[in-house]
Amino acid sequence: MGALDGRVAIVTGAGRGIGREHALLFAREGAKVVVNDLGGGNDGSGADTGPAQEVVDEIRALGGEAVANTDSVSTWAGAKALVDQAVAEFGRLDILVNNAGILRDGFIAGLDEAQWDSVIDVHLKGHFAPLHFAAEYWKEKSKAGEEVAAAVINTASASGTTMPNAGQANYGAAKAGIAALTLVAADELERYGVRVNAIAPIARTRLTLATPGMGAIFAVEPEEGEVDLFSPAQISPLVAWLATEKCPVNGKVFAVSGGSIQQLKGWSVEHTIETDDDWTLDGVAESLEGWS
């Protein structure tokens, strides 16, 4: 018996890297998987049906059930078609793993509109759009009296949480937005039987290998016989656990990398100043002196 027997999962960006490992592990644990991947480049350009179908073929070779989907999750129509396909193919939907992403790095002064929009679209809108249609589906099931035990796992990043990275204003902003979206969705959807969590993973993928300052680190492969702590396969067990029917966790963001899992906490109050009188510029300056 697998931990995900009988459950139907969508995994976006599942043609390569971390998403591929999610899809393969889910299938090994008994889930039926919709493998979504547009098949584009690191920067989102182009499209190729190959990556999604290759993962489907791997799953079927293992005796699992899977179908490919190459819709763009950054469009409303593509996200709806993805959710509709899962229900049409397998009769239900239990798990949504939002993982699709691209990089179009650049420093703020030189970042152009297309670089900003494309990254926000694929990451932030590409998380919200599938979530919207999945939530609509689960809400209808719950309102009809059916028991729902669904799970959503979003993909944030250290770039948007604990380690903002110069040159990634678009990516960091999108990932920070995904972390906030996760907390809002967890609060909204719990009443319908849906849990929503997020991970901030670090692993050896084509995106991290292309990130300045990180590529050289991850390019170093472990020696034969050593555990590869930065393999993308190290990320998926946490995601699979969060996707299980009986998992109690909701509204959390986990950093996972290099043999470590950490629960993150968002913005917190570091200092406070108060007054019973009107604020003045001089009063604020005097009160905040020494805080920088």
C-alpha atoms as a PDB file:
ATOM      1  CA  MET A   1       0.000   0.000   0.000  1.00  0.00           C
ATOM      2  CA  GLY A   2       1.358   3.397  -0.997  1.00  0.00           C
ATOM      3  CA  ALA A   3       0.922   6.530   1.072  1.00  0.00           C
ATOM      4  CA  LEU A   4      -1.008   8.151  -1.805  1.00  0.00           C
ATOM      5  CA  ASP A   5      -3.068   5.183  -3.002  1.00  0.00           C
ATOM      6  CA  GLY A   6      -6.288   6.255  -4.700  1.00  0.00           C
ATOM      7  CA  ARG A   7      -5.381   9.946  -4.810  1.00  0.00           C
ATOM      8  CA  VAL A   8      -5.223  12.014  -7.986  1.00  0.00           C
ATOM      9  CA  ALA A   9      -2.506  14.639  -8.278  1.00  0.00           C
ATOM     10  CA  ILE A  10      -1.576  17.471 -10.597  1.00  0.00           C
ATOM     11  CA  VAL A  11       2.091  18.441 -10.606  1.00  0.00           C
ATOM     12  CA  THR A  12       2.983  21.528 -12.629  1.00  0.00           C
ATOM     13  CA  GLY A  13       6.436  21.954 -14.123  1.00  0.00           C
ATOM     14  CA  ALA A  14       6.862  18.196 -13.767  1.00  0.00           C
ATOM     15  CA  GLY A  15       8.858  17.502 -16.907  1.00  0.00           C
ATOM     16  CA  ARG A  16      12.230  18.105 -15.301  1.00  0.00           C
ATOM     17  CA  GLY A  17      14.011  18.685 -12.011  1.00  0.00           C
ATOM     18  CA  ILE A  18      12.088  18.855  -8.749  1.00  0.00           C
ATOM     19  CA  GLY A  19       8.675  18.531 -10.411  1.00  0.00           C
ATOM     20  CA  ARG A  20       9.729  15.342 -12.185  1.00  0.00           C
ATOM     21  CA  GLU A  21      10.840  13.832  -8.876  1.00  0.00           C
ATOM     22  CA  HIS A  22       7.505  14.787  -7.300  1.00  0.00           C
ATOM     23  CA  ALA A  23       5.590  13.075 -10.101  1.00  0.00           C
ATOM     24  CA  LEU A  24       7.683   9.903  -9.950  1.00  0.00           C
ATOM     25  CA  LEU A  25       7.470   9.585  -6.167  1.00  0.00           C
ATOM     26  CA  PHE A  26       3.743  10.294  -6.159  1.00  0.00           C
ATOM     27  CA  ALA A  27       3.244   7.538  -8.714  1.00  0.00           C
ATOM     28  CA  ARG A  28       5.388   5.101  -6.736  1.00  0.00           C
ATOM     29  CA  GLU A  29       3.215   5.882  -3.706  1.00  0.00           C
ATOM     30  CA  GLY A  30       0.071   5.006  -5.657  1.00  0.00           C
ATOM     31  CA  ALA A  31      -1.201   8.365  -6.921  1.00  0.00           C
ATOM     32  CA  LYS A  32      -2.526   8.910 -10.420  1.00  0.00           C
ATOM     33  CA  VAL A  33      -0.628  11.867 -11.811  1.00  0.00           C
ATOM     34  CA  VAL A  34      -1.294  14.594 -14.335  1.00  0.00           C
ATOM     35  CA  VAL A  35       2.184  15.633 -15.443  1.00  0.00           C
ATOM     36  CA  ASN A  36       2.028  19.269 -16.534  1.00  0.00           C
ATOM     37  CA  ASP A  37       4.926  20.915 -18.348  1.00  0.00           C
ATOM     38  CA  LEU A  38       4.923  23.441 -21.161  1.00  0.00           C
ATOM     39  CA  GLY A  39       8.392  22.248 -22.104  1.00  0.00           C
ATOM     40  CA  GLY A  40       9.936  25.682 -22.423  1.00  0.00           C
ATOM     41  CA  GLY A  41      13.437  26.905 -21.716  1.00  0.00           C
ATOM     42  CA  ASN A  42      14.761  28.321 -18.450  1.00  0.00           C
ATOM     43  CA  ASP A  43      13.432  31.727 -19.470  1.00  0.00           C
ATOM     44  CA  GLY A  44      10.020  30.384 -20.459  1.00  0.00           C
ATOM     45  CA  SER A  45      10.613  30.628 -24.183  1.00  0.00           C
ATOM     46  CA  GLY A  46       9.507  27.881 -26.550  1.00  0.00           C
ATOM     47  CA  ALA A  47       7.430  24.774 -25.936  1.00  0.00           C
ATOM     48  CA  ASP A  48       8.016  21.052 -26.226  1.00  0.00           C
ATOM     49  CA  THR A  49       5.640  18.171 -25.512  1.00  0.00           C
ATOM     50  CA  GLY A  50       8.586  15.858 -24.883  1.00  0.00           C
ATOM     51  CA  PRO A  51       9.438  16.454 -21.205  1.00  0.00           C
ATOM     52  CA  ALA A  52       5.905  15.873 -19.866  1.00  0.00           C
ATOM     53  CA  GLN A  53       5.379  12.776 -22.019  1.00  0.00           C
ATOM     54  CA  GLU A  54       8.759  11.340 -21.049  1.00  0.00           C
ATOM     55  CA  VAL A  55       7.828  11.479 -17.364  1.00  0.00           C
ATOM     56  CA  VAL A  56       4.460   9.900 -18.128  1.00  0.00           C
ATOM     57  CA  ASP A  57       6.269   7.110 -19.962  1.00  0.00           C
ATOM     58  CA  GLU A  58       8.558   6.583 -16.951  1.00  0.00           C
ATOM     59  CA  ILE A  59       5.567   6.341 -14.626  1.00  0.00           C
ATOM     60  CA  ARG A  60       3.760   3.903 -16.884  1.00  0.00           C
ATOM     61  CA  ALA A  61       6.916   1.777 -17.153  1.00  0.00           C
ATOM     62  CA  LEU A  62       6.828   1.537 -13.345  1.00  0.00           C
ATOM     63  CA  GLY A  63       3.230   0.318 -13.512  1.00  0.00           C
ATOM     64  CA  GLY A  64       1.695   3.642 -12.508  1.00  0.00           C
ATOM     65  CA  GLU A  65      -1.017   5.772 -14.085  1.00  0.00           C
ATOM     66  CA  ALA A  66      -0.293   9.180 -15.570  1.00  0.00           C
ATOM     67  CA  VAL A  67      -1.258  11.540 -18.372  1.00  0.00           C
ATOM     68  CA  ALA A  68       0.603  14.468 -19.883  1.00  0.00           C
ATOM     69  CA  ASN A  69      -0.588  18.058 -20.011  1.00  0.00           C
ATOM     70  CA  THR A  70       1.246  20.872 -21.788  1.00  0.00           C
ATOM     71  CA  ASP A  71      -1.075  23.794 -21.045  1.00  0.00           C
ATOM     72  CA  SER A  72       0.442  27.025 -19.740  1.00  0.00           C
ATOM     73  CA  VAL A  73      -0.523  27.526 -16.095  1.00  0.00           C
ATOM     74  CA  SER A  74       0.138  31.242 -16.515  1.00  0.00           C
ATOM     75  CA  THR A  75      -3.153  31.550 -18.421  1.00  0.00           C
ATOM     76  CA  TRP A  76      -6.654  31.259 -17.024  1.00  0.00           C
ATOM     77  CA  ALA A  77      -7.707  28.947 -19.858  1.00  0.00           C
ATOM     78  CA  GLY A  78      -4.663  26.706 -19.453  1.00  0.00           C
ATOM     79  CA  ALA A  79      -5.164  26.343 -15.708  1.00  0.00           C
ATOM     80  CA  LYS A  80      -8.842  25.482 -16.141  1.00  0.00           C
ATOM     81  CA  ALA A  81      -8.034  22.921 -18.832  1.00  0.00           C
ATOM     82  CA  LEU A  82      -5.465  21.327 -16.528  1.00  0.00           C
ATOM     83  CA  VAL A  83      -7.914  20.866 -13.661  1.00  0.00           C
ATOM     84  CA  ASP A  84     -10.652  19.725 -16.025  1.00  0.00           C
ATOM     85  CA  GLN A  85      -8.322  17.130 -17.544  1.00  0.00           C
ATOM     86  CA  ALA A  86      -7.488  15.624 -14.143  1.00  0.00           C
ATOM     87  CA  VAL A  87     -11.170  15.199 -13.303  1.00  0.00           C
ATOM     88  CA  ALA A  88     -12.053  13.909 -16.782  1.00  0.00           C
ATOM     89  CA  GLU A  89      -9.188  11.384 -16.876  1.00  0.00           C
ATOM     90  CA  PHE A  90      -9.294  10.096 -13.319  1.00  0.00           C
ATOM     91  CA  GLY A  91     -12.711  11.121 -11.978  1.00  0.00           C
ATOM     92  CA  ARG A  92     -11.475  13.391  -9.202  1.00  0.00           C
ATOM     93  CA  LEU A  93      -8.713  15.681  -7.957  1.00  0.00           C
ATOM     94  CA  ASP A  94      -7.094  15.432  -4.524  1.00  0.00           C
ATOM     95  CA  ILE A  95      -3.689  17.093  -4.789  1.00  0.00           C
ATOM     96  CA  LEU A  96      -2.306  20.151  -6.533  1.00  0.00           C
ATOM     97  CA  VAL A  97       1.452  20.725  -6.523  1.00  0.00           C
ATOM     98  CA  ASN A  98       2.318  24.113  -7.986  1.00  0.00           C
ATOM     99  CA  ASN A  99       5.931  23.865  -9.083  1.00  0.00           C
ATOM    100  CA  ALA A 100       6.287  25.451 -12.546  1.00  0.00           C
ATOM    101  CA  GLY A 101       8.782  28.274 -12.788  1.00  0.00           C
ATOM    102  CA  ILE A 102      11.232  30.185 -14.965  1.00  0.00           C
ATOM    103  CA  LEU A 103      14.116  32.625 -14.507  1.00  0.00           C
ATOM    104  CA  ARG A 104      14.676  35.936 -16.275  1.00  0.00           C
ATOM    105  CA  ASP A 105      17.174  37.573 -13.954  1.00  0.00           C
ATOM    106  CA  GLY A 106      18.319  41.165 -14.193  1.00  0.00           C
ATOM    107  CA  PHE A 107      19.208  44.083 -11.952  1.00  0.00           C
ATOM    108  CA  ILE A 108      16.376  46.499 -11.239  1.00  0.00           C
ATOM    109  CA  ALA A 109      17.723  49.418 -13.264  1.00  0.00           C
ATOM    110  CA  GLY A 110      18.030  47.240 -16.354  1.00  0.00           C
ATOM    111  CA  LEU A 111      15.072  44.893 -15.884  1.00  0.00           C
ATOM    112  CA  ASP A 112      12.560  45.351 -18.693  1.00  0.00           C
ATOM    113  CA  GLU A 113       8.790  44.949 -18.630  1.00  0.00           C
ATOM    114  CA  ALA A 114       8.827  41.559 -20.354  1.00  0.00           C
ATOM    115  CA  GLN A 115      11.332  40.170 -17.853  1.00  0.00           C
ATOM    116  CA  TRP A 116       9.141  41.318 -14.971  1.00  0.00           C
ATOM    117  CA  ASP A 117       5.802  40.240 -16.424  1.00  0.00           C
ATOM    118  CA  SER A 118       6.891  36.805 -17.606  1.00  0.00           C
ATOM    119  CA  VAL A 119       8.295  35.757 -14.233  1.00  0.00           C
ATOM    120  CA  ILE A 120       5.326  37.114 -12.275  1.00  0.00           C
ATOM    121  CA  ASP A 121       2.976  35.375 -14.726  1.00  0.00           C
ATOM    122  CA  VAL A 122       4.570  31.930 -14.552  1.00  0.00           C
ATOM    123  CA  HIS A 123       5.273  31.913 -10.811  1.00  0.00           C
ATOM    124  CA  LEU A 124       2.609  33.966  -9.054  1.00  0.00           C
ATOM    125  CA  LYS A 125      -0.252  33.828 -11.558  1.00  0.00           C
ATOM    126  CA  GLY A 126       0.837  30.299 -12.462  1.00  0.00           C
ATOM    127  CA  HIS A 127       0.274  29.308  -8.836  1.00  0.00           C
ATOM    128  CA  PHE A 128      -2.966  31.215  -8.375  1.00  0.00           C
ATOM    129  CA  ALA A 129      -4.731  30.152 -11.573  1.00  0.00           C
ATOM    130  CA  PRO A 130      -4.589  26.354 -10.983  1.00  0.00           C
ATOM    131  CA  LEU A 131      -5.349  26.985  -7.293  1.00  0.00           C
ATOM    132  CA  HIS A 132      -8.415  29.000  -8.247  1.00  0.00           C
ATOM    133  CA  PHE A 133      -9.925  26.270 -10.416  1.00  0.00           C
ATOM    134  CA  ALA A 134      -8.964  23.485  -8.013  1.00  0.00           C
ATOM    135  CA  ALA A 135     -10.492  25.448  -5.117  1.00  0.00           C
ATOM    136  CA  GLU A 136     -13.663  25.993  -7.136  1.00  0.00           C
ATOM    137  CA  TYR A 137     -13.877  22.238  -7.739  1.00  0.00           C
ATOM    138  CA  TRP A 138     -13.327  21.347  -4.071  1.00  0.00           C
ATOM    139  CA  LYS A 139     -15.747  24.007  -2.833  1.00  0.00           C
ATOM    140  CA  GLU A 140     -18.492  22.574  -5.050  1.00  0.00           C
ATOM    141  CA  LYS A 141     -17.782  19.058  -3.746  1.00  0.00           C
ATOM    142  CA  SER A 142     -17.884  20.245  -0.147  1.00  0.00           C
ATOM    143  CA  LYS A 143     -21.072  22.258  -0.641  1.00  0.00           C
ATOM    144  CA  ALA A 144     -22.673  19.155  -2.179  1.00  0.00           C
ATOM    145  CA  GLY A 145     -22.004  17.243   1.036  1.00  0.00           C
ATOM    146  CA  GLU A 146     -19.017  15.235  -0.144  1.00  0.00           C
ATOM    147  CA  GLU A 147     -16.057  14.787   2.184  1.00  0.00           C
ATOM    148  CA  VAL A 148     -12.990  16.539   0.801  1.00  0.00           C
ATOM    149  CA  ALA A 149      -9.452  15.764   1.987  1.00  0.00           C
ATOM    150  CA  ALA A 150      -7.407  17.748  -0.498  1.00  0.00           C
ATOM    151  CA  ALA A 151      -3.901  19.155  -0.361  1.00  0.00           C
ATOM    152  CA  VAL A 152      -2.101  21.968  -2.141  1.00  0.00           C
ATOM    153  CA  ILE A 153       1.657  22.354  -2.010  1.00  0.00           C
ATOM    154  CA  ASN A 154       3.057  25.581  -3.427  1.00  0.00           C
ATOM    155  CA  THR A 155       6.679  26.307  -4.287  1.00  0.00           C
ATOM    156  CA  ALA A 156       8.213  29.418  -2.781  1.00  0.00           C
ATOM    157  CA  SER A 157      11.963  30.060  -2.564  1.00  0.00           C
ATOM    158  CA  ALA A 158      14.670  31.311  -0.254  1.00  0.00           C
ATOM    159  CA  SER A 159      14.926  34.204  -2.722  1.00  0.00           C
ATOM    160  CA  GLY A 160      11.505  35.342  -1.543  1.00  0.00           C
ATOM    161  CA  THR A 161      11.787  34.387   2.122  1.00  0.00           C
ATOM    162  CA  THR A 162      15.114  34.144   3.944  1.00  0.00           C
ATOM    163  CA  MET A 163      17.779  35.009   1.351  1.00  0.00           C
ATOM    164  CA  PRO A 164      16.767  37.798  -1.081  1.00  0.00           C
ATOM    165  CA  ASN A 165      19.109  37.628  -4.047  1.00  0.00           C
ATOM    166  CA  ALA A 166      20.387  40.632  -6.018  1.00  0.00           C
ATOM    167  CA  GLY A 167      19.362  40.347  -9.649  1.00  0.00           C
ATOM    168  CA  GLN A 168      16.127  38.525  -8.856  1.00  0.00           C
ATOM    169  CA  ALA A 169      13.633  41.269  -8.050  1.00  0.00           C
ATOM    170  CA  ASN A 170      11.001  39.624 -10.249  1.00  0.00           C
ATOM    171  CA  TYR A 171      11.640  36.083  -8.994  1.00  0.00           C
ATOM    172  CA  GLY A 172      11.973  37.086  -5.330  1.00  0.00           C
ATOM    173  CA  ALA A 173       8.815  39.192  -5.422  1.00  0.00           C
ATOM    174  CA  ALA A 174       6.866  36.357  -7.037  1.00  0.00           C
ATOM    175  CA  LYS A 175       8.129  33.809  -4.516  1.00  0.00           C
ATOM    176  CA  ALA A 176       7.364  36.074  -1.564  1.00  0.00           C
ATOM    177  CA  GLY A 177       3.885  36.499  -3.019  1.00  0.00           C
ATOM    178  CA  ILE A 178       3.498  32.725  -3.233  1.00  0.00           C
ATOM    179  CA  ALA A 179       4.358  32.377   0.456  1.00  0.00           C
ATOM    180  CA  ALA A 180       1.692  34.963   1.327  1.00  0.00           C
ATOM    181  CA  LEU A 181      -0.802  33.363  -1.066  1.00  0.00           C
ATOM    182  CA  THR A 182      -0.252  30.053   0.721  1.00  0.00           C
ATOM    183  CA  LEU A 183      -1.204  31.495   4.109  1.00  0.00           C
ATOM    184  CA  VAL A 184      -4.309  33.215   2.737  1.00  0.00           C
ATOM    185  CA  ALA A 185      -5.416  30.085   0.877  1.00  0.00           C
ATOM    186  CA  ALA A 186      -4.843  27.907   3.940  1.00  0.00           C
ATOM    187  CA  ASP A 187      -7.146  30.165   5.938  1.00  0.00           C
ATOM    188  CA  GLU A 188      -9.826  30.351   3.243  1.00  0.00           C
ATOM    189  CA  LEU A 189      -9.957  26.741   2.074  1.00  0.00           C
ATOM    190  CA  GLU A 190      -9.672  24.803   5.326  1.00  0.00           C
ATOM    191  CA  ARG A 191     -13.467  24.993   5.725  1.00  0.00           C
ATOM    192  CA  TYR A 192     -13.817  22.957   2.515  1.00  0.00           C
ATOM    193  CA  GLY A 193     -11.389  20.238   3.599  1.00  0.00           C
ATOM    194  CA  VAL A 194      -8.360  21.654   1.774  1.00  0.00           C
ATOM    195  CA  ARG A 195      -4.922  22.103   3.349  1.00  0.00           C
ATOM    196  CA  VAL A 196      -2.433  24.496   1.744  1.00  0.00           C
ATOM    197  CA  ASN A 197       1.289  24.523   2.500  1.00  0.00           C
ATOM    198  CA  ALA A 198       4.436  25.644   0.715  1.00  0.00           C
ATOM    199  CA  ILE A 199       8.051  24.634   0.390  1.00  0.00           C
ATOM    200  CA  ALA A 200      11.122  26.766  -0.301  1.00  0.00           C
ATOM    201  CA  PRO A 201      13.472  24.195  -1.852  1.00  0.00           C
ATOM    202  CA  ILE A 202      17.134  24.336  -2.782  1.00  0.00           C
ATOM    203  CA  ALA A 203      18.375  21.567  -5.065  1.00  0.00           C
ATOM    204  CA  ARG A 204      20.441  20.927  -8.165  1.00  0.00           C
ATOM    205  CA  THR A 205      18.180  21.891 -11.052  1.00  0.00           C
ATOM    206  CA  ARG A 206      18.601  23.677 -14.351  1.00  0.00           C
ATOM    207  CA  LEU A 207      17.363  26.887 -12.672  1.00  0.00           C
ATOM    208  CA  THR A 208      19.800  26.803  -9.746  1.00  0.00           C
ATOM    209  CA  LEU A 209      22.632  25.842 -12.082  1.00  0.00           C
ATOM    210  CA  ALA A 210      21.808  28.976 -14.094  1.00  0.00           C
ATOM    211  CA  THR A 211      21.719  31.268 -11.027  1.00  0.00           C
ATOM    212  CA  PRO A 212      24.875  33.368 -10.530  1.00  0.00           C
ATOM    213  CA  GLY A 213      26.655  32.399  -7.320  1.00  0.00           C
ATOM    214  CA  MET A 214      24.769  29.131  -7.039  1.00  0.00           C
ATOM    215  CA  GLY A 215      25.607  27.357 -10.273  1.00  0.00           C
ATOM    216  CA  ALA A 216      29.228  26.680  -9.308  1.00  0.00           C
ATOM    217  CA  ILE A 217      28.138  25.222  -5.965  1.00  0.00           C
ATOM    218  CA  PHE A 218      25.561  22.846  -7.398  1.00  0.00           C
ATOM    219  CA  ALA A 219      27.696  21.838 -10.360  1.00  0.00           C
ATOM    220  CA  VAL A 220      29.881  19.827  -7.977  1.00  0.00           C
ATOM    221  CA  GLU A 221      28.575  16.253  -8.018  1.00  0.00           C
ATOM    222  CA  PRO A 222      29.023  14.018  -4.933  1.00  0.00           C
ATOM    223  CA  GLU A 223      31.661  11.322  -4.947  1.00  0.00           C
ATOM    224  CA  GLU A 224      30.571   7.788  -5.736  1.00  0.00           C
ATOM    225  CA  GLY A 225      28.891   6.254  -2.704  1.00  0.00           C
ATOM    226  CA  GLU A 226      28.144   9.620  -1.085  1.00  0.00           C
ATOM    227  CA  VAL A 227      24.592  10.766  -0.450  1.00  0.00           C
ATOM    228  CA  ASP A 228      23.583  13.482  -2.895  1.00  0.00           C
ATOM    229  CA  LEU A 229      21.906  15.873  -0.487  1.00  0.00           C
ATOM    230  CA  PHE A 230      21.222  18.404  -3.243  1.00  0.00           C
ATOM    231  CA  SER A 231      19.519  15.991  -5.610  1.00  0.00           C
ATOM    232  CA  PRO A 232      16.007  17.204  -6.484  1.00  0.00           C
ATOM    233  CA  ALA A 233      14.796  13.794  -5.255  1.00  0.00           C
ATOM    234  CA  GLN A 234      15.592  14.962  -1.700  1.00  0.00           C
ATOM    235  CA  ILE A 235      12.768  17.516  -1.892  1.00  0.00           C
ATOM    236  CA  SER A 236       9.907  15.206  -2.844  1.00  0.00           C
ATOM    237  CA  PRO A 237       9.399  13.101   0.333  1.00  0.00           C
ATOM    238  CA  LEU A 238       8.291  16.189   2.278  1.00  0.00           C
ATOM    239  CA  VAL A 239       5.909  17.154  -0.518  1.00  0.00           C
ATOM    240  CA  ALA A 240       4.495  13.633  -0.677  1.00  0.00           C
ATOM    241  CA  TRP A 241       3.908  13.642   3.083  1.00  0.00           C
ATOM    242  CA  LEU A 242       2.135  17.007   2.895  1.00  0.00           C
ATOM    243  CA  ALA A 243      -0.049  15.497   0.156  1.00  0.00           C
ATOM    244  CA  THR A 244      -1.190  12.479   2.191  1.00  0.00           C
ATOM    245  CA  GLU A 245      -4.815  12.354   3.237  1.00  0.00           C
ATOM    246  CA  LYS A 246      -4.150  12.253   6.987  1.00  0.00           C
ATOM    247  CA  CYS A 247      -1.416  14.885   7.145  1.00  0.00           C
ATOM    248  CA  PRO A 248      -2.534  17.456   9.761  1.00  0.00           C
ATOM    249  CA  VAL A 249      -0.331  20.371   8.656  1.00  0.00           C
ATOM    250  CA  ASN A 250      -1.928  23.499   7.202  1.00  0.00           C
ATOM    251  CA  GLY A 251      -0.691  27.002   6.476  1.00  0.00           C
ATOM    252  CA  LYS A 252       3.029  26.342   6.864  1.00  0.00           C
ATOM    253  CA  VAL A 253       6.087  27.177   4.761  1.00  0.00           C
ATOM    254  CA  PHE A 254       9.049  24.805   4.927  1.00  0.00           C
ATOM    255  CA  ALA A 255      12.601  25.382   3.740  1.00  0.00           C
ATOM    256  CA  VAL A 256      14.032  22.102   2.497  1.00  0.00           C
ATOM    257  CA  SER A 257      17.578  21.583   1.260  1.00  0.00           C
ATOM    258  CA  GLY A 258      20.800  19.710   1.864  1.00  0.00           C
ATOM    259  CA  GLY A 259      19.408  17.250   4.391  1.00  0.00           C
ATOM    260  CA  SER A 260      17.552  19.954   6.331  1.00  0.00           C
ATOM    261  CA  ILE A 261      13.861  20.784   6.773  1.00  0.00           C
ATOM    262  CA  GLN A 262      12.999  24.023   8.552  1.00  0.00           C
ATOM    263  CA  GLN A 263       9.627  25.575   9.302  1.00  0.00           C
ATOM    264  CA  LEU A 264       9.748  29.248   8.369  1.00  0.00           C
ATOM    265  CA  LYS A 265       8.064  32.144  10.096  1.00  0.00           C
ATOM    266  CA  GLY A 266       7.123  35.291   8.230  1.00  0.00           C
ATOM    267  CA  TRP A 267       7.453  38.947   9.061  1.00  0.00           C
ATOM    268  CA  SER A 268       7.589  39.611  12.804  1.00  0.00           C
ATOM    269  CA  VAL A 269       7.807  42.771  14.906  1.00  0.00           C
ATOM    270  CA  GLU A 270      11.421  43.659  15.680  1.00  0.00           C
ATOM    271  CA  HIS A 271      11.011  47.112  17.288  1.00  0.00           C
ATOM    272  CA  THR A 272       8.075  49.312  18.263  1.00  0.00           C
ATOM    273  CA  ILE A 273       7.739  53.020  19.000  1.00  0.00           C
ATOM    274  CA  GLU A 274       4.519  54.539  20.294  1.00  0.00           C
ATOM    275  CA  THR A 275       3.136  57.949  21.120  1.00  0.00           C
ATOM    276  CA  ASP A 276       0.013  59.404  22.695  1.00  0.00           C
ATOM    277  CA  ASP A 277       0.492  62.629  20.750  1.00  0.00           C
ATOM    278  CA  ASP A 278       0.658  63.586  17.086  1.00  0.00           C
ATOM    279  CA  TRP A 279       3.616  62.190  15.203  1.00  0.00           C
ATOM    280  CA  THR A 280       6.109  64.771  13.997  1.00  0.00           C
ATOM    281  CA  LEU A 281       9.029  64.318  11.650  1.00  0.00           C
ATOM    282  CA  ASP A 282      11.493  65.206  14.391  1.00  0.00           C
ATOM    283  CA  GLY A 283       9.759  62.931  16.865  1.00  0.00           C
ATOM    284  CA  VAL A 284       9.927  59.981  14.465  1.00  0.00           C
ATOM    285  CA  ALA A 285      13.570  60.674  13.675  1.00  0.00           C
ATOM    286  CA  GLU A 286      14.485  60.868  17.368  1.00  0.00           C
ATOM    287  CA  SER A 287      12.549  57.682  18.211  1.00  0.00           C
ATOM    288  CA  LEU A 288      14.037  55.689  15.328  1.00  0.00           C
ATOM    289  CA  GLU A 289      17.599  56.851  15.848  1.00  0.00           C
ATOM    290  CA  GLY A 290      19.911  53.881  16.059  1.00  0.00           C
ATOM    291  CA  TRP A 291      17.519  51.387  14.484  1.00  0.00           C
ATOM    292  CA  SER A 292      19.295  51.032  11.140  1.00  0.00           C
END
